[in-house]
Amino acid sequence: LWWADRITSAKPLCKLPAKAFASIFLLTLWEMWKERNRCVFQHKLSSPAVVLVLIKEEAALWKRAGVRIGIRAT
């Protein structure tokens, strides 16, 4: 995908490795999309703090499933 190549080849926005940044970026977009669908189809609206918790929970699921994001937990 052209945009995935842009994410991994662009100048770093932070100190994360490019692949780690891409994984976190895509995870965040995925959770935002799911939240949008909850809002549109189920008429439920969550606060940004709740969405952030959902992102963290999904990241933990990815980690348990063996997805290597490329960053170390501190």
N, C-alpha and C. Protein backbone atom coordinates (compact mmCIF):
# COMPACT_ATOMS: atom_id res chain seq x y z
N LEU A 1 0.84 -1.17 0.00
CA LEU A 1 0.00 0.00 0.00
C LEU A 1 0.89 1.24 0.00
N TRP A 2 0.53 2.20 -0.81
CA TRP A 2 1.37 3.39 -0.96
C TRP A 2 1.53 4.15 0.34
N TRP A 3 0.46 4.25 1.14
CA TRP A 3 0.54 5.04 2.36
C TRP A 3 1.36 4.33 3.43
N ALA A 4 1.36 3.00 3.43
CA ALA A 4 2.19 2.26 4.38
C ALA A 4 3.67 2.48 4.07
N ASP A 5 4.01 2.52 2.79
CA ASP A 5 5.39 2.82 2.39
C ASP A 5 5.79 4.22 2.84
N ARG A 6 4.87 5.15 2.72
CA ARG A 6 5.16 6.52 3.15
C ARG A 6 5.43 6.59 4.65
N ILE A 7 4.65 5.85 5.42
CA ILE A 7 4.82 5.87 6.87
C ILE A 7 6.19 5.32 7.26
N THR A 8 6.59 4.21 6.65
CA THR A 8 7.84 3.57 7.05
C THR A 8 9.07 4.25 6.46
N SER A 9 8.91 5.02 5.38
CA SER A 9 10.07 5.65 4.77
C SER A 9 10.21 7.14 5.10
N ALA A 10 9.20 7.72 5.71
CA ALA A 10 9.23 9.15 6.02
C ALA A 10 10.20 9.44 7.15
N LYS A 11 10.55 10.70 7.27
CA LYS A 11 11.38 11.11 8.41
C LYS A 11 10.63 10.77 9.69
N PRO A 12 11.35 10.25 10.66
CA PRO A 12 10.66 9.85 11.89
C PRO A 12 10.02 11.04 12.61
N LEU A 13 8.80 10.82 13.08
CA LEU A 13 8.10 11.83 13.86
C LEU A 13 8.44 11.68 15.34
N CYS A 14 8.99 10.54 15.69
CA CYS A 14 9.35 10.26 17.07
C CYS A 14 10.53 9.31 17.06
N LYS A 15 10.94 8.85 18.23
CA LYS A 15 12.12 8.00 18.33
C LYS A 15 11.81 6.52 18.11
N LEU A 16 10.57 6.18 17.80
CA LEU A 16 10.21 4.79 17.54
C LEU A 16 10.77 4.34 16.19
N PRO A 17 11.11 3.06 16.08
CA PRO A 17 11.46 2.54 14.75
C PRO A 17 10.27 2.68 13.80
N ALA A 18 10.54 2.79 12.52
CA ALA A 18 9.48 3.04 11.53
C ALA A 18 8.40 1.96 11.58
N LYS A 19 8.80 0.70 11.70
CA LYS A 19 7.80 -0.38 11.72
C LYS A 19 6.94 -0.31 12.98
N ALA A 20 7.54 0.06 14.10
CA ALA A 20 6.77 0.19 15.34
C ALA A 20 5.78 1.34 15.21
N PHE A 21 6.23 2.46 14.66
CA PHE A 21 5.34 3.60 14.46
C PHE A 21 4.19 3.22 13.54
N ALA A 22 4.49 2.50 12.46
CA ALA A 22 3.44 2.09 11.51
C ALA A 22 2.43 1.18 12.19
N SER A 23 2.89 0.25 13.01
CA SER A 23 1.98 -0.66 13.72
C SER A 23 1.06 0.11 14.66
N ILE A 24 1.63 1.01 15.43
CA ILE A 24 0.84 1.79 16.38
C ILE A 24 -0.12 2.71 15.65
N PHE A 25 0.34 3.30 14.56
CA PHE A 25 -0.50 4.18 13.75
C PHE A 25 -1.70 3.41 13.20
N LEU A 26 -1.46 2.23 12.63
CA LEU A 26 -2.55 1.43 12.06
C LEU A 26 -3.50 0.93 13.14
N LEU A 27 -2.96 0.54 14.28
CA LEU A 27 -3.80 0.11 15.39
C LEU A 27 -4.71 1.24 15.84
N THR A 28 -4.17 2.44 15.93
CA THR A 28 -4.96 3.61 16.33
C THR A 28 -6.05 3.91 15.31
N LEU A 29 -5.70 3.86 14.03
CA LEU A 29 -6.72 4.08 12.99
C LEU A 29 -7.82 3.04 13.06
N TRP A 30 -7.43 1.78 13.28
CA TRP A 30 -8.41 0.69 13.36
C TRP A 30 -9.38 0.93 14.52
N GLU A 31 -8.86 1.32 15.67
CA GLU A 31 -9.73 1.57 16.81
C GLU A 31 -10.62 2.79 16.59
N MET A 32 -10.09 3.81 15.93
CA MET A 32 -10.91 4.98 15.61
C MET A 32 -12.04 4.59 14.65
N TRP A 33 -11.75 3.73 13.70
CA TRP A 33 -12.77 3.26 12.75
C TRP A 33 -13.85 2.47 13.49
N LYS A 34 -13.44 1.58 14.40
CA LYS A 34 -14.41 0.81 15.16
C LYS A 34 -15.27 1.72 16.04
N GLU A 35 -14.66 2.76 16.61
CA GLU A 35 -15.42 3.71 17.42
C GLU A 35 -16.41 4.49 16.56
N ARG A 36 -15.98 4.86 15.38
CA ARG A 36 -16.88 5.54 14.44
C ARG A 36 -18.08 4.65 14.12
N ASN A 37 -17.83 3.36 13.90
CA ASN A 37 -18.92 2.44 13.60
C ASN A 37 -19.85 2.27 14.79
N ARG A 38 -19.29 2.22 16.02
CA ARG A 38 -20.15 2.15 17.21
C ARG A 38 -21.06 3.38 17.29
N CYS A 39 -20.50 4.52 16.97
CA CYS A 39 -21.26 5.77 17.03
C CYS A 39 -22.37 5.79 15.98
N VAL A 40 -22.04 5.41 14.76
CA VAL A 40 -23.00 5.47 13.65
C VAL A 40 -24.06 4.38 13.76
N PHE A 41 -23.64 3.14 14.01
CA PHE A 41 -24.57 2.02 13.92
C PHE A 41 -25.21 1.64 15.24
N GLN A 42 -24.53 1.90 16.36
CA GLN A 42 -25.09 1.53 17.66
C GLN A 42 -25.49 2.75 18.48
N HIS A 43 -25.25 3.94 17.92
CA HIS A 43 -25.59 5.20 18.59
C HIS A 43 -24.95 5.31 19.97
N LYS A 44 -23.69 4.83 20.06
CA LYS A 44 -22.92 4.93 21.30
C LYS A 44 -21.73 5.84 21.06
N LEU A 45 -21.49 6.72 22.00
CA LEU A 45 -20.39 7.67 21.87
C LEU A 45 -19.48 7.53 23.09
N SER A 46 -18.20 7.31 22.83
CA SER A 46 -17.22 7.18 23.91
C SER A 46 -16.35 8.42 23.96
N SER A 47 -15.86 8.71 25.14
CA SER A 47 -14.94 9.84 25.30
C SER A 47 -13.58 9.46 24.71
N PRO A 48 -12.76 10.46 24.39
CA PRO A 48 -11.41 10.15 23.90
C PRO A 48 -10.61 9.30 24.90
N ALA A 49 -10.82 9.51 26.19
CA ALA A 49 -10.11 8.71 27.20
C ALA A 49 -10.50 7.24 27.10
N VAL A 50 -11.76 6.97 26.85
CA VAL A 50 -12.22 5.59 26.70
C VAL A 50 -11.63 4.97 25.44
N VAL A 51 -11.60 5.73 24.36
CA VAL A 51 -11.02 5.22 23.10
C VAL A 51 -9.54 4.91 23.30
N LEU A 52 -8.84 5.74 24.06
CA LEU A 52 -7.43 5.48 24.35
C LEU A 52 -7.26 4.17 25.12
N VAL A 53 -8.14 3.93 26.07
CA VAL A 53 -8.10 2.66 26.82
C VAL A 53 -8.34 1.49 25.87
N LEU A 54 -9.29 1.64 24.95
CA LEU A 54 -9.56 0.59 23.97
C LEU A 54 -8.34 0.32 23.09
N ILE A 55 -7.64 1.37 22.71
CA ILE A 55 -6.42 1.22 21.90
C ILE A 55 -5.38 0.44 22.69
N LYS A 56 -5.19 0.79 23.96
CA LYS A 56 -4.22 0.08 24.79
C LYS A 56 -4.61 -1.38 24.98
N GLU A 57 -5.90 -1.64 25.17
CA GLU A 57 -6.36 -3.02 25.33
C GLU A 57 -6.14 -3.82 24.06
N GLU A 58 -6.40 -3.22 22.91
CA GLU A 58 -6.19 -3.90 21.63
C GLU A 58 -4.71 -4.16 21.41
N ALA A 59 -3.85 -3.22 21.80
CA ALA A 59 -2.40 -3.43 21.69
C ALA A 59 -1.97 -4.61 22.55
N ALA A 60 -2.55 -4.74 23.73
CA ALA A 60 -2.23 -5.88 24.60
C ALA A 60 -2.67 -7.19 23.95
N LEU A 61 -3.82 -7.17 23.28
CA LEU A 61 -4.28 -8.37 22.56
C LEU A 61 -3.33 -8.72 21.42
N TRP A 62 -2.89 -7.70 20.70
CA TRP A 62 -1.93 -7.93 19.61
C TRP A 62 -0.66 -8.57 20.17
N LYS A 63 -0.21 -8.05 21.30
CA LYS A 63 1.02 -8.57 21.92
C LYS A 63 0.84 -10.03 22.32
N ARG A 64 -0.30 -10.35 22.94
CA ARG A 64 -0.57 -11.74 23.34
C ARG A 64 -0.68 -12.66 22.13
N ALA A 65 -1.13 -12.11 21.01
CA ALA A 65 -1.26 -12.91 19.78
C ALA A 65 0.08 -13.09 19.08
N GLY A 66 1.11 -12.42 19.57
CA GLY A 66 2.43 -12.59 19.00
C GLY A 66 2.85 -11.53 18.01
N VAL A 67 2.07 -10.47 17.88
CA VAL A 67 2.45 -9.39 16.97
C VAL A 67 3.62 -8.64 17.60
N ARG A 68 4.69 -8.50 16.84
CA ARG A 68 5.87 -7.79 17.34
C ARG A 68 5.80 -6.36 16.83
N ILE A 69 5.59 -5.44 17.74
CA ILE A 69 5.45 -4.04 17.37
C ILE A 69 6.82 -3.38 17.23
N GLY A 70 7.84 -3.94 17.82
CA GLY A 70 9.18 -3.42 17.64
C GLY A 70 9.63 -2.43 18.70
N ILE A 71 8.90 -2.39 19.81
CA ILE A 71 9.33 -1.53 20.92
C ILE A 71 9.36 -2.36 22.19
N ARG A 72 10.18 -1.95 23.11
CA ARG A 72 10.28 -2.65 24.39
C ARG A 72 9.42 -1.95 25.42
N ALA A 73 8.78 -2.76 26.25
CA ALA A 73 8.01 -2.18 27.35
C ALA A 73 8.97 -1.68 28.41
N THR A 74 8.65 -0.54 29.00
CA THR A 74 9.52 0.00 30.05
C THR A 74 8.85 -0.06 31.39
